[in-house]
Amino acid sequence: MSVADEVILTTSYVVAGREIEREIEVITAECVFGMNIIRDFFNSVRDILGGRSGSTQDVLRDARKTALQELRNEAASLGADAVIAIDLDYHEMSGGNKNGMLMIVASGTAVKLSAGRSV
């Protein structure tokens, strides 16, 4: 397990049972994924016929996991113990020669937790 894997991620403004010693800075991680044109075609057929799009859900899940890992890596490089107030934003980029690009941005505040006992 790497140091980055030990960084706590939360959408909350606090870390349960821990005291925040100081805020380090706002950090972000951006990831762009291509949505395969053939997958898009089958998804559009599925949209017409009804049902869930497993392949699109897989891309969204992979994008989210990648962005959060990048956020962990960034926090670890700053010496942070946690990232609080995490927000995930998804954006579709298309037009021109772009075929269904998906961008996910993860942002939050890197913090150092007190070394003392838990709250």
PDB file of N, CA and C in Angstrom:
ATOM      1  N   MET A   1       0.843  -1.174   0.000  1.00  0.00           N
ATOM      2  CA  MET A   1       0.000   0.000   0.000  1.00  0.00           C
ATOM      3  C   MET A   1       0.894   1.245   0.000  1.00  0.00           C
ATOM      4  N   SER A   2       0.582   2.185  -0.868  1.00  0.00           N
ATOM      5  CA  SER A   2       1.380   3.414  -0.949  1.00  0.00           C
ATOM      6  C   SER A   2       0.853   4.463   0.029  1.00  0.00           C
ATOM      7  N   VAL A   3       1.632   5.503   0.219  1.00  0.00           N
ATOM      8  CA  VAL A   3       1.227   6.610   1.092  1.00  0.00           C
ATOM      9  C   VAL A   3      -0.076   7.222   0.580  1.00  0.00           C
ATOM     10  N   ALA A   4      -0.204   7.346  -0.742  1.00  0.00           N
ATOM     11  CA  ALA A   4      -1.409   7.938  -1.327  1.00  0.00           C
ATOM     12  C   ALA A   4      -2.656   7.134  -0.977  1.00  0.00           C
ATOM     13  N   ASP A   5      -2.531   5.803  -0.895  1.00  0.00           N
ATOM     14  CA  ASP A   5      -3.686   4.957  -0.588  1.00  0.00           C
ATOM     15  C   ASP A   5      -4.217   5.181   0.824  1.00  0.00           C
ATOM     16  N   GLU A   6      -3.407   5.788   1.690  1.00  0.00           N
ATOM     17  CA  GLU A   6      -3.830   6.044   3.061  1.00  0.00           C
ATOM     18  C   GLU A   6      -4.512   7.400   3.232  1.00  0.00           C
ATOM     19  N   VAL A   7      -4.525   8.214   2.182  1.00  0.00           N
ATOM     20  CA  VAL A   7      -5.187   9.525   2.252  1.00  0.00           C
ATOM     21  C   VAL A   7      -6.692   9.304   2.313  1.00  0.00           C
ATOM     22  N   ILE A   8      -7.326   9.918   3.294  1.00  0.00           N
ATOM     23  CA  ILE A   8      -8.769   9.803   3.489  1.00  0.00           C
ATOM     24  C   ILE A   8      -9.471  10.765   2.535  1.00  0.00           C
ATOM     25  N   LEU A   9     -10.508  10.274   1.856  1.00  0.00           N
ATOM     26  CA  LEU A   9     -11.324  11.113   0.979  1.00  0.00           C
ATOM     27  C   LEU A   9     -12.732  11.186   1.536  1.00  0.00           C
ATOM     28  N   THR A  10     -13.301  12.405   1.566  1.00  0.00           N
ATOM     29  CA  THR A  10     -14.664  12.549   2.050  1.00  0.00           C
ATOM     30  C   THR A  10     -15.342  13.760   1.415  1.00  0.00           C
ATOM     31  N   THR A  11     -16.649  13.650   1.242  1.00  0.00           N
ATOM     32  CA  THR A  11     -17.430  14.788   0.756  1.00  0.00           C
ATOM     33  C   THR A  11     -17.817  15.705   1.912  1.00  0.00           C
ATOM     34  N   SER A  12     -17.569  15.248   3.120  1.00  0.00           N
ATOM     35  CA  SER A  12     -17.890  16.017   4.319  1.00  0.00           C
ATOM     36  C   SER A  12     -16.846  17.118   4.539  1.00  0.00           C
ATOM     37  N   TYR A  13     -17.185  18.065   5.407  1.00  0.00           N
ATOM     38  CA  TYR A  13     -16.248  19.139   5.749  1.00  0.00           C
ATOM     39  C   TYR A  13     -15.400  18.780   6.960  1.00  0.00           C
ATOM     40  N   VAL A  14     -15.605  17.578   7.497  1.00  0.00           N
ATOM     41  CA  VAL A  14     -14.842  17.080   8.638  1.00  0.00           C
ATOM     42  C   VAL A  14     -14.464  15.631   8.368  1.00  0.00           C
ATOM     43  N   VAL A  15     -13.504  15.124   9.124  1.00  0.00           N
ATOM     44  CA  VAL A  15     -13.150  13.712   9.081  1.00  0.00           C
ATOM     45  C   VAL A  15     -13.635  13.122  10.396  1.00  0.00           C
ATOM     46  N   ALA A  16     -14.533  12.183  10.336  1.00  0.00           N
ATOM     47  CA  ALA A  16     -15.155  11.616  11.534  1.00  0.00           C
ATOM     48  C   ALA A  16     -14.096  11.127  12.523  1.00  0.00           C
ATOM     49  N   GLY A  17     -14.212  11.603  13.760  1.00  0.00           N
ATOM     50  CA  GLY A  17     -13.320  11.166  14.824  1.00  0.00           C
ATOM     51  C   GLY A  17     -11.920  11.754  14.777  1.00  0.00           C
ATOM     52  N   ARG A  18     -11.674  12.668  13.845  1.00  0.00           N
ATOM     53  CA  ARG A  18     -10.346  13.265  13.706  1.00  0.00           C
ATOM     54  C   ARG A  18     -10.455  14.779  13.750  1.00  0.00           C
ATOM     55  N   GLU A  19      -9.384  15.413  14.197  1.00  0.00           N
ATOM     56  CA  GLU A  19      -9.334  16.868  14.256  1.00  0.00           C
ATOM     57  C   GLU A  19      -8.444  17.389  13.130  1.00  0.00           C
ATOM     58  N   ILE A  20      -8.918  18.410  12.421  1.00  0.00           N
ATOM     59  CA  ILE A  20      -8.130  19.001  11.344  1.00  0.00           C
ATOM     60  C   ILE A  20      -7.166  20.015  11.947  1.00  0.00           C
ATOM     61  N   GLU A  21      -5.880  19.791  11.721  1.00  0.00           N
ATOM     62  CA  GLU A  21      -4.844  20.685  12.233  1.00  0.00           C
ATOM     63  C   GLU A  21      -4.755  21.943  11.363  1.00  0.00           C
ATOM     64  N   ARG A  22      -4.733  21.732  10.027  1.00  0.00           N
ATOM     65  CA  ARG A  22      -4.658  22.884   9.123  1.00  0.00           C
ATOM     66  C   ARG A  22      -5.098  22.484   7.720  1.00  0.00           C
ATOM     67  N   GLU A  23      -5.592  23.477   7.014  1.00  0.00           N
ATOM     68  CA  GLU A  23      -5.930  23.301   5.604  1.00  0.00           C
ATOM     69  C   GLU A  23      -4.673  23.601   4.796  1.00  0.00           C
ATOM     70  N   ILE A  24      -4.370  22.765   3.838  1.00  0.00           N
ATOM     71  CA  ILE A  24      -3.169  22.969   3.021  1.00  0.00           C
ATOM     72  C   ILE A  24      -3.514  23.809   1.798  1.00  0.00           C
ATOM     73  N   GLU A  25      -4.382  23.282   0.928  1.00  0.00           N
ATOM     74  CA  GLU A  25      -4.829  24.051  -0.236  1.00  0.00           C
ATOM     75  C   GLU A  25      -5.916  23.280  -0.979  1.00  0.00           C
ATOM     76  N   VAL A  26      -6.600  23.973  -1.860  1.00  0.00           N
ATOM     77  CA  VAL A  26      -7.583  23.345  -2.732  1.00  0.00           C
ATOM     78  C   VAL A  26      -6.828  22.599  -3.829  1.00  0.00           C
ATOM     79  N   ILE A  27      -7.236  21.355  -4.070  1.00  0.00           N
ATOM     80  CA  ILE A  27      -6.583  20.563  -5.110  1.00  0.00           C
ATOM     81  C   ILE A  27      -7.630  20.019  -6.077  1.00  0.00           C
ATOM     82  N   THR A  28      -7.183  19.701  -7.287  1.00  0.00           N
ATOM     83  CA  THR A  28      -8.073  19.139  -8.297  1.00  0.00           C
ATOM     84  C   THR A  28      -7.373  18.014  -9.040  1.00  0.00           C
ATOM     85  N   ALA A  29      -8.186  17.178  -9.653  1.00  0.00           N
ATOM     86  CA  ALA A  29      -7.694  16.139 -10.559  1.00  0.00           C
ATOM     87  C   ALA A  29      -8.661  16.111 -11.735  1.00  0.00           C
ATOM     88  N   GLU A  30      -8.107  16.124 -12.934  1.00  0.00           N
ATOM     89  CA  GLU A  30      -8.934  16.120 -14.139  1.00  0.00           C
ATOM     90  C   GLU A  30      -8.586  14.892 -14.958  1.00  0.00           C
ATOM     91  N   CYS A  31      -9.610  14.205 -15.448  1.00  0.00           N
ATOM     92  CA  CYS A  31      -9.417  13.024 -16.286  1.00  0.00           C
ATOM     93  C   CYS A  31     -10.361  13.117 -17.475  1.00  0.00           C
ATOM     94  N   VAL A  32      -9.854  12.775 -18.657  1.00  0.00           N
ATOM     95  CA  VAL A  32     -10.666  12.782 -19.867  1.00  0.00           C
ATOM     96  C   VAL A  32     -10.660  11.373 -20.443  1.00  0.00           C
ATOM     97  N   PHE A  33     -11.850  10.872 -20.708  1.00  0.00           N
ATOM     98  CA  PHE A  33     -12.017   9.527 -21.258  1.00  0.00           C
ATOM     99  C   PHE A  33     -12.771   9.610 -22.564  1.00  0.00           C
ATOM    100  N   GLY A  34     -12.370   8.804 -23.532  1.00  0.00           N
ATOM    101  CA  GLY A  34     -13.074   8.725 -24.810  1.00  0.00           C
ATOM    102  C   GLY A  34     -14.199   7.712 -24.718  1.00  0.00           C
ATOM    103  N   MET A  35     -15.325   8.076 -25.283  1.00  0.00           N
ATOM    104  CA  MET A  35     -16.463   7.166 -25.354  1.00  0.00           C
ATOM    105  C   MET A  35     -16.459   6.580 -26.772  1.00  0.00           C
ATOM    106  N   ASN A  36     -16.195   5.308 -26.882  1.00  0.00           N
ATOM    107  CA  ASN A  36     -16.091   4.609 -28.161  1.00  0.00           C
ATOM    108  C   ASN A  36     -17.333   4.843 -29.021  1.00  0.00           C
ATOM    109  N   ILE A  37     -17.144   5.158 -30.308  1.00  0.00           N
ATOM    110  CA  ILE A  37     -18.261   5.451 -31.198  1.00  0.00           C
ATOM    111  C   ILE A  37     -19.176   4.234 -31.372  1.00  0.00           C
ATOM    112  N   ILE A  38     -18.612   3.028 -31.375  1.00  0.00           N
ATOM    113  CA  ILE A  38     -19.452   1.824 -31.497  1.00  0.00           C
ATOM    114  C   ILE A  38     -20.280   1.646 -30.233  1.00  0.00           C
ATOM    115  N   ARG A  39     -19.674   1.870 -29.076  1.00  0.00           N
ATOM    116  CA  ARG A  39     -20.406   1.797 -27.809  1.00  0.00           C
ATOM    117  C   ARG A  39     -21.527   2.827 -27.817  1.00  0.00           C
ATOM    118  N   ASP A  40     -21.242   4.039 -28.332  1.00  0.00           N
ATOM    119  CA  ASP A  40     -22.263   5.083 -28.424  1.00  0.00           C
ATOM    120  C   ASP A  40     -23.433   4.628 -29.284  1.00  0.00           C
ATOM    121  N   PHE A  41     -23.133   3.940 -30.390  1.00  0.00           N
ATOM    122  CA  PHE A  41     -24.193   3.465 -31.274  1.00  0.00           C
ATOM    123  C   PHE A  41     -25.089   2.471 -30.538  1.00  0.00           C
ATOM    124  N   PHE A  42     -24.484   1.484 -29.883  1.00  0.00           N
ATOM    125  CA  PHE A  42     -25.281   0.494 -29.167  1.00  0.00           C
ATOM    126  C   PHE A  42     -26.031   1.107 -27.995  1.00  0.00           C
ATOM    127  N   ASN A  43     -25.446   2.102 -27.368  1.00  0.00           N
ATOM    128  CA  ASN A  43     -26.150   2.795 -26.284  1.00  0.00           C
ATOM    129  C   ASN A  43     -27.368   3.529 -26.806  1.00  0.00           C
ATOM    130  N   SER A  44     -27.251   4.136 -27.999  1.00  0.00           N
ATOM    131  CA  SER A  44     -28.400   4.844 -28.570  1.00  0.00           C
ATOM    132  C   SER A  44     -29.504   3.859 -28.918  1.00  0.00           C
ATOM    133  N   VAL A  45     -29.153   2.665 -29.398  1.00  0.00           N
ATOM    134  CA  VAL A  45     -30.150   1.627 -29.657  1.00  0.00           C
ATOM    135  C   VAL A  45     -30.818   1.226 -28.352  1.00  0.00           C
ATOM    136  N   ARG A  46     -30.017   1.039 -27.312  1.00  0.00           N
ATOM    137  CA  ARG A  46     -30.555   0.663 -26.002  1.00  0.00           C
ATOM    138  C   ARG A  46     -31.467   1.769 -25.466  1.00  0.00           C
ATOM    139  N   ASP A  47     -31.094   3.044 -25.702  1.00  0.00           N
ATOM    140  CA  ASP A  47     -31.937   4.153 -25.261  1.00  0.00           C
ATOM    141  C   ASP A  47     -33.303   4.092 -25.927  1.00  0.00           C
ATOM    142  N   ILE A  48     -33.332   3.727 -27.201  1.00  0.00           N
ATOM    143  CA  ILE A  48     -34.601   3.623 -27.925  1.00  0.00           C
ATOM    144  C   ILE A  48     -35.424   2.459 -27.388  1.00  0.00           C
ATOM    145  N   LEU A  49     -34.775   1.324 -27.130  1.00  0.00           N
ATOM    146  CA  LEU A  49     -35.467   0.121 -26.677  1.00  0.00           C
ATOM    147  C   LEU A  49     -35.679   0.093 -25.160  1.00  0.00           C
ATOM    148  N   GLY A  50     -34.962   0.910 -24.468  1.00  0.00           N
ATOM    149  CA  GLY A  50     -35.061   0.944 -23.005  1.00  0.00           C
ATOM    150  C   GLY A  50     -33.962   0.110 -22.369  1.00  0.00           C
ATOM    151  N   GLY A  51     -33.695   0.350 -21.117  1.00  0.00           N
ATOM    152  CA  GLY A  51     -32.680  -0.419 -20.394  1.00  0.00           C
ATOM    153  C   GLY A  51     -31.504   0.440 -19.984  1.00  0.00           C
ATOM    154  N   ARG A  52     -30.642  -0.157 -19.181  1.00  0.00           N
ATOM    155  CA  ARG A  52     -29.460   0.538 -18.681  1.00  0.00           C
ATOM    156  C   ARG A  52     -28.290   0.308 -19.610  1.00  0.00           C
ATOM    157  N   SER A  53     -27.405   1.259 -19.641  1.00  0.00           N
ATOM    158  CA  SER A  53     -26.217   1.156 -20.480  1.00  0.00           C
ATOM    159  C   SER A  53     -25.023   0.768 -19.615  1.00  0.00           C
ATOM    160  N   GLY A  54     -24.772  -0.524 -19.535  1.00  0.00           N
ATOM    161  CA  GLY A  54     -23.675  -1.027 -18.708  1.00  0.00           C
ATOM    162  C   GLY A  54     -22.316  -0.506 -19.137  1.00  0.00           C
ATOM    163  N   SER A  55     -22.086  -0.400 -20.448  1.00  0.00           N
ATOM    164  CA  SER A  55     -20.770   0.049 -20.912  1.00  0.00           C
ATOM    165  C   SER A  55     -20.514   1.508 -20.541  1.00  0.00           C
ATOM    166  N   THR A  56     -21.542   2.342 -20.646  1.00  0.00           N
ATOM    167  CA  THR A  56     -21.379   3.742 -20.255  1.00  0.00           C
ATOM    168  C   THR A  56     -21.180   3.853 -18.753  1.00  0.00           C
ATOM    169  N   GLN A  57     -21.917   3.056 -17.995  1.00  0.00           N
ATOM    170  CA  GLN A  57     -21.745   3.062 -16.545  1.00  0.00           C
ATOM    171  C   GLN A  57     -20.323   2.641 -16.167  1.00  0.00           C
ATOM    172  N   ASP A  58     -19.760   1.684 -16.903  1.00  0.00           N
ATOM    173  CA  ASP A  58     -18.393   1.248 -16.633  1.00  0.00           C
ATOM    174  C   ASP A  58     -17.402   2.382 -16.868  1.00  0.00           C
ATOM    175  N   VAL A  59     -17.595   3.148 -17.961  1.00  0.00           N
ATOM    176  CA  VAL A  59     -16.704   4.274 -18.245  1.00  0.00           C
ATOM    177  C   VAL A  59     -16.825   5.322 -17.146  1.00  0.00           C
ATOM    178  N   LEU A  60     -18.042   5.617 -16.711  1.00  0.00           N
ATOM    179  CA  LEU A  60     -18.244   6.597 -15.636  1.00  0.00           C
ATOM    180  C   LEU A  60     -17.581   6.130 -14.342  1.00  0.00           C
ATOM    181  N   ARG A  61     -17.728   4.865 -14.015  1.00  0.00           N
ATOM    182  CA  ARG A  61     -17.119   4.310 -12.800  1.00  0.00           C
ATOM    183  C   ARG A  61     -15.593   4.396 -12.883  1.00  0.00           C
ATOM    184  N   ASP A  62     -15.021   3.998 -14.026  1.00  0.00           N
ATOM    185  CA  ASP A  62     -13.571   4.062 -14.202  1.00  0.00           C
ATOM    186  C   ASP A  62     -13.070   5.503 -14.100  1.00  0.00           C
ATOM    187  N   ALA A  63     -13.803   6.427 -14.706  1.00  0.00           N
ATOM    188  CA  ALA A  63     -13.413   7.838 -14.670  1.00  0.00           C
ATOM    189  C   ALA A  63     -13.418   8.357 -13.235  1.00  0.00           C
ATOM    190  N   ARG A  64     -14.463   8.025 -12.478  1.00  0.00           N
ATOM    191  CA  ARG A  64     -14.562   8.462 -11.088  1.00  0.00           C
ATOM    192  C   ARG A  64     -13.419   7.895 -10.254  1.00  0.00           C
ATOM    193  N   LYS A  65     -13.169   6.600 -10.383  1.00  0.00           N
ATOM    194  CA  LYS A  65     -12.101   5.968  -9.605  1.00  0.00           C
ATOM    195  C   LYS A  65     -10.729   6.553  -9.953  1.00  0.00           C
ATOM    196  N   THR A  66     -10.502   6.800 -11.231  1.00  0.00           N
ATOM    197  CA  THR A  66      -9.223   7.369 -11.668  1.00  0.00           C
ATOM    198  C   THR A  66      -9.047   8.779 -11.116  1.00  0.00           C
ATOM    199  N   ALA A  67     -10.086   9.603 -11.210  1.00  0.00           N
ATOM    200  CA  ALA A  67     -10.007  10.980 -10.715  1.00  0.00           C
ATOM    201  C   ALA A  67      -9.766  11.008  -9.207  1.00  0.00           C
ATOM    202  N   LEU A  68     -10.435  10.136  -8.463  1.00  0.00           N
ATOM    203  CA  LEU A  68     -10.234  10.110  -7.013  1.00  0.00           C
ATOM    204  C   LEU A  68      -8.832   9.619  -6.649  1.00  0.00           C
ATOM    205  N   GLN A  69      -8.298   8.662  -7.403  1.00  0.00           N
ATOM    206  CA  GLN A  69      -6.924   8.212  -7.139  1.00  0.00           C
ATOM    207  C   GLN A  69      -5.926   9.332  -7.438  1.00  0.00           C
ATOM    208  N   GLU A  70      -6.166  10.076  -8.515  1.00  0.00           N
ATOM    209  CA  GLU A  70      -5.297  11.220  -8.836  1.00  0.00           C
ATOM    210  C   GLU A  70      -5.374  12.276  -7.728  1.00  0.00           C
ATOM    211  N   LEU A  71      -6.568  12.478  -7.163  1.00  0.00           N
ATOM    212  CA  LEU A  71      -6.741  13.419  -6.054  1.00  0.00           C
ATOM    213  C   LEU A  71      -5.936  12.941  -4.841  1.00  0.00           C
ATOM    214  N   ARG A  72      -5.995  11.638  -4.564  1.00  0.00           N
ATOM    215  CA  ARG A  72      -5.196  11.058  -3.468  1.00  0.00           C
ATOM    216  C   ARG A  72      -3.706  11.294  -3.695  1.00  0.00           C
ATOM    217  N   ASN A  73      -3.255  11.047  -4.932  1.00  0.00           N
ATOM    218  CA  ASN A  73      -1.833  11.219  -5.251  1.00  0.00           C
ATOM    219  C   ASN A  73      -1.402  12.672  -5.040  1.00  0.00           C
ATOM    220  N   GLU A  74      -2.232  13.602  -5.499  1.00  0.00           N
ATOM    221  CA  GLU A  74      -1.925  15.033  -5.332  1.00  0.00           C
ATOM    222  C   GLU A  74      -1.852  15.397  -3.850  1.00  0.00           C
ATOM    223  N   ALA A  75      -2.803  14.909  -3.070  1.00  0.00           N
ATOM    224  CA  ALA A  75      -2.819  15.196  -1.630  1.00  0.00           C
ATOM    225  C   ALA A  75      -1.576  14.626  -0.952  1.00  0.00           C
ATOM    226  N   ALA A  76      -1.222  13.401  -1.297  1.00  0.00           N
ATOM    227  CA  ALA A  76      -0.043  12.767  -0.692  1.00  0.00           C
ATOM    228  C   ALA A  76       1.225  13.547  -1.023  1.00  0.00           C
ATOM    229  N   SER A  77       1.305  14.071  -2.240  1.00  0.00           N
ATOM    230  CA  SER A  77       2.499  14.835  -2.625  1.00  0.00           C
ATOM    231  C   SER A  77       2.636  16.127  -1.833  1.00  0.00           C
ATOM    232  N   LEU A  78       1.519  16.604  -1.261  1.00  0.00           N
ATOM    233  CA  LEU A  78       1.538  17.819  -0.445  1.00  0.00           C
ATOM    234  C   LEU A  78       1.686  17.510   1.046  1.00  0.00           C
ATOM    235  N   GLY A  79       1.733  16.231   1.390  1.00  0.00           N
ATOM    236  CA  GLY A  79       1.829  15.837   2.789  1.00  0.00           C
ATOM    237  C   GLY A  79       0.501  15.848   3.512  1.00  0.00           C
ATOM    238  N   ALA A  80      -0.594  15.821   2.773  1.00  0.00           N
ATOM    239  CA  ALA A  80      -1.928  15.842   3.379  1.00  0.00           C
ATOM    240  C   ALA A  80      -2.314  14.448   3.872  1.00  0.00           C
ATOM    241  N   ASP A  81      -3.145  14.431   4.906  1.00  0.00           N
ATOM    242  CA  ASP A  81      -3.684  13.168   5.428  1.00  0.00           C
ATOM    243  C   ASP A  81      -5.075  12.882   4.875  1.00  0.00           C
ATOM    244  N   ALA A  82      -5.751  13.932   4.397  1.00  0.00           N
ATOM    245  CA  ALA A  82      -7.125  13.766   3.926  1.00  0.00           C
ATOM    246  C   ALA A  82      -7.472  14.854   2.916  1.00  0.00           C
ATOM    247  N   VAL A  83      -8.521  14.595   2.168  1.00  0.00           N
ATOM    248  CA  VAL A  83      -9.108  15.598   1.289  1.00  0.00           C
ATOM    249  C   VAL A  83     -10.576  15.685   1.680  1.00  0.00           C
ATOM    250  N   ILE A  84     -11.004  16.882   2.066  1.00  0.00           N
ATOM    251  CA  ILE A  84     -12.383  17.075   2.521  1.00  0.00           C
ATOM    252  C   ILE A  84     -13.165  17.883   1.479  1.00  0.00           C
ATOM    253  N   ALA A  85     -14.477  17.882   1.637  1.00  0.00           N
ATOM    254  CA  ALA A  85     -15.385  18.663   0.792  1.00  0.00           C
ATOM    255  C   ALA A  85     -15.201  18.337  -0.695  1.00  0.00           C
ATOM    256  N   ILE A  86     -15.049  17.054  -0.992  1.00  0.00           N
ATOM    257  CA  ILE A  86     -14.820  16.636  -2.380  1.00  0.00           C
ATOM    258  C   ILE A  86     -16.081  16.839  -3.213  1.00  0.00           C
ATOM    259  N   ASP A  87     -15.869  17.379  -4.409  1.00  0.00           N
ATOM    260  CA  ASP A  87     -16.943  17.581  -5.377  1.00  0.00           C
ATOM    261  C   ASP A  87     -16.517  16.925  -6.682  1.00  0.00           C
ATOM    262  N   LEU A  88     -17.435  16.212  -7.312  1.00  0.00           N
ATOM    263  CA  LEU A  88     -17.175  15.581  -8.604  1.00  0.00           C
ATOM    264  C   LEU A  88     -18.052  16.248  -9.650  1.00  0.00           C
ATOM    265  N   ASP A  89     -17.432  16.681 -10.735  1.00  0.00           N
ATOM    266  CA  ASP A  89     -18.163  17.300 -11.840  1.00  0.00           C
ATOM    267  C   ASP A  89     -17.879  16.519 -13.109  1.00  0.00           C
ATOM    268  N   TYR A  90     -18.945  16.216 -13.847  1.00  0.00           N
ATOM    269  CA  TYR A  90     -18.829  15.491 -15.110  1.00  0.00           C
ATOM    270  C   TYR A  90     -19.186  16.439 -16.242  1.00  0.00           C
ATOM    271  N   HIS A  91     -18.392  16.388 -17.318  1.00  0.00           N
ATOM    272  CA  HIS A  91     -18.643  17.247 -18.480  1.00  0.00           C
ATOM    273  C   HIS A  91     -18.484  16.414 -19.737  1.00  0.00           C
ATOM    274  N   GLU A  92     -19.413  16.592 -20.673  1.00  0.00           N
ATOM    275  CA  GLU A  92     -19.279  15.940 -21.966  1.00  0.00           C
ATOM    276  C   GLU A  92     -18.666  16.929 -22.928  1.00  0.00           C
ATOM    277  N   MET A  93     -17.655  16.461 -23.644  1.00  0.00           N
ATOM    278  CA  MET A  93     -17.001  17.314 -24.636  1.00  0.00           C
ATOM    279  C   MET A  93     -17.238  16.659 -25.996  1.00  0.00           C
ATOM    280  N   SER A  94     -17.906  17.388 -26.880  1.00  0.00           N
ATOM    281  CA  SER A  94     -18.158  16.843 -28.203  1.00  0.00           C
ATOM    282  C   SER A  94     -18.131  17.971 -29.217  1.00  0.00           C
ATOM    283  N   GLY A  95     -18.299  17.603 -30.456  1.00  0.00           N
ATOM    284  CA  GLY A  95     -18.245  18.596 -31.520  1.00  0.00           C
ATOM    285  C   GLY A  95     -16.938  18.482 -32.273  1.00  0.00           C
ATOM    286  N   GLY A  96     -16.914  19.009 -33.474  1.00  0.00           N
ATOM    287  CA  GLY A  96     -15.703  18.914 -34.293  1.00  0.00           C
ATOM    288  C   GLY A  96     -15.377  17.459 -34.555  1.00  0.00           C
ATOM    289  N   ASN A  97     -14.146  17.085 -34.298  1.00  0.00           N
ATOM    290  CA  ASN A  97     -13.720  15.705 -34.507  1.00  0.00           C
ATOM    291  C   ASN A  97     -13.747  14.879 -33.224  1.00  0.00           C
ATOM    292  N   LYS A  98     -14.306  15.420 -32.167  1.00  0.00           N
ATOM    293  CA  LYS A  98     -14.345  14.713 -30.897  1.00  0.00           C
ATOM    294  C   LYS A  98     -15.567  13.804 -30.859  1.00  0.00           C
ATOM    295  N   ASN A  99     -15.351  12.537 -30.581  1.00  0.00           N
ATOM    296  CA  ASN A  99     -16.449  11.583 -30.467  1.00  0.00           C
ATOM    297  C   ASN A  99     -16.673  11.237 -29.007  1.00  0.00           C
ATOM    298  N   GLY A 100     -17.617  11.902 -28.388  1.00  0.00           N
ATOM    299  CA  GLY A 100     -18.026  11.553 -27.039  1.00  0.00           C
ATOM    300  C   GLY A 100     -16.912  11.493 -26.019  1.00  0.00           C
ATOM    301  N   MET A 101     -16.251  12.599 -25.762  1.00  0.00           N
ATOM    302  CA  MET A 101     -15.239  12.649 -24.713  1.00  0.00           C
ATOM    303  C   MET A 101     -15.931  13.015 -23.403  1.00  0.00           C
ATOM    304  N   LEU A 102     -15.535  12.346 -22.335  1.00  0.00           N
ATOM    305  CA  LEU A 102     -16.085  12.608 -21.014  1.00  0.00           C
ATOM    306  C   LEU A 102     -14.962  13.127 -20.132  1.00  0.00           C
ATOM    307  N   MET A 103     -15.192  14.274 -19.483  1.00  0.00           N
ATOM    308  CA  MET A 103     -14.206  14.818 -18.555  1.00  0.00           C
ATOM    309  C   MET A 103     -14.819  14.813 -17.161  1.00  0.00           C
ATOM    310  N   ILE A 104     -14.041  14.342 -16.206  1.00  0.00           N
ATOM    311  CA  ILE A 104     -14.463  14.395 -14.816  1.00  0.00           C
ATOM    312  C   ILE A 104     -13.421  15.199 -14.048  1.00  0.00           C
ATOM    313  N   VAL A 105     -13.907  16.108 -13.216  1.00  0.00           N
ATOM    314  CA  VAL A 105     -13.040  16.929 -12.377  1.00  0.00           C
ATOM    315  C   VAL A 105     -13.400  16.638 -10.926  1.00  0.00           C
ATOM    316  N   ALA A 106     -12.420  16.228 -10.157  1.00  0.00           N
ATOM    317  CA  ALA A 106     -12.584  16.016  -8.719  1.00  0.00           C
ATOM    318  C   ALA A 106     -11.824  17.131  -8.018  1.00  0.00           C
ATOM    319  N   SER A 107     -12.468  17.789  -7.062  1.00  0.00           N
ATOM    320  CA  SER A 107     -11.798  18.854  -6.326  1.00  0.00           C
ATOM    321  C   SER A 107     -12.139  18.745  -4.849  1.00  0.00           C
ATOM    322  N   GLY A 108     -11.255  19.278  -4.022  1.00  0.00           N
ATOM    323  CA  GLY A 108     -11.478  19.257  -2.581  1.00  0.00           C
ATOM    324  C   GLY A 108     -10.365  20.025  -1.891  1.00  0.00           C
ATOM    325  N   THR A 109     -10.406  20.033  -0.579  1.00  0.00           N
ATOM    326  CA  THR A 109      -9.397  20.725   0.215  1.00  0.00           C
ATOM    327  C   THR A 109      -8.497  19.704   0.900  1.00  0.00           C
ATOM    328  N   ALA A 110      -7.200  19.767   0.582  1.00  0.00           N
ATOM    329  CA  ALA A 110      -6.216  18.900   1.230  1.00  0.00           C
ATOM    330  C   ALA A 110      -5.971  19.428   2.638  1.00  0.00           C
ATOM    331  N   VAL A 111      -6.002  18.520   3.622  1.00  0.00           N
ATOM    332  CA  VAL A 111      -5.824  18.928   5.012  1.00  0.00           C
ATOM    333  C   VAL A 111      -4.834  18.015   5.724  1.00  0.00           C
ATOM    334  N   LYS A 112      -4.228  18.566   6.756  1.00  0.00           N
ATOM    335  CA  LYS A 112      -3.357  17.815   7.649  1.00  0.00           C
ATOM    336  C   LYS A 112      -4.156  17.568   8.919  1.00  0.00           C
ATOM    337  N   LEU A 113      -4.193  16.314   9.356  1.00  0.00           N
ATOM    338  CA  LEU A 113      -4.934  15.958  10.568  1.00  0.00           C
ATOM    339  C   LEU A 113      -4.001  16.021  11.767  1.00  0.00           C
ATOM    340  N   SER A 114      -4.555  16.319  12.934  1.00  0.00           N
ATOM    341  CA  SER A 114      -3.759  16.359  14.166  1.00  0.00           C
ATOM    342  C   SER A 114      -3.206  14.984  14.462  1.00  0.00           C
ATOM    343  N   ALA A 115      -1.981  14.960  14.956  1.00  0.00           N
ATOM    344  CA  ALA A 115      -1.330  13.691  15.283  1.00  0.00           C
ATOM    345  C   ALA A 115      -1.818  13.139  16.611  1.00  0.00           C
ATOM    346  N   GLY A 116      -2.434  14.015  17.404  1.00  0.00           N
ATOM    347  CA  GLY A 116      -2.922  13.596  18.724  1.00  0.00           C
ATOM    348  C   GLY A 116      -4.064  12.607  18.627  1.00  0.00           C
ATOM    349  N   ARG A 117      -4.679  12.348  19.759  1.00  0.00           N
ATOM    350  CA  ARG A 117      -5.735  11.355  19.784  1.00  0.00           C
ATOM    351  C   ARG A 117      -6.966  11.844  19.031  1.00  0.00           C
ATOM    352  N   SER A 118      -7.796  10.911  18.641  1.00  0.00           N
ATOM    353  CA  SER A 118      -9.016  11.221  17.912  1.00  0.00           C
ATOM    354  C   SER A 118     -10.013  11.936  18.795  1.00  0.00           C
ATOM    355  N   VAL A 119     -10.891  12.695  18.149  1.00  0.00           N
ATOM    356  CA  VAL A 119     -11.911  13.451  18.859  1.00  0.00           C
ATOM    357  C   VAL A 119     -12.991  12.504  19.353  1.00  0.00           C
TER     358      VAL A 119
END
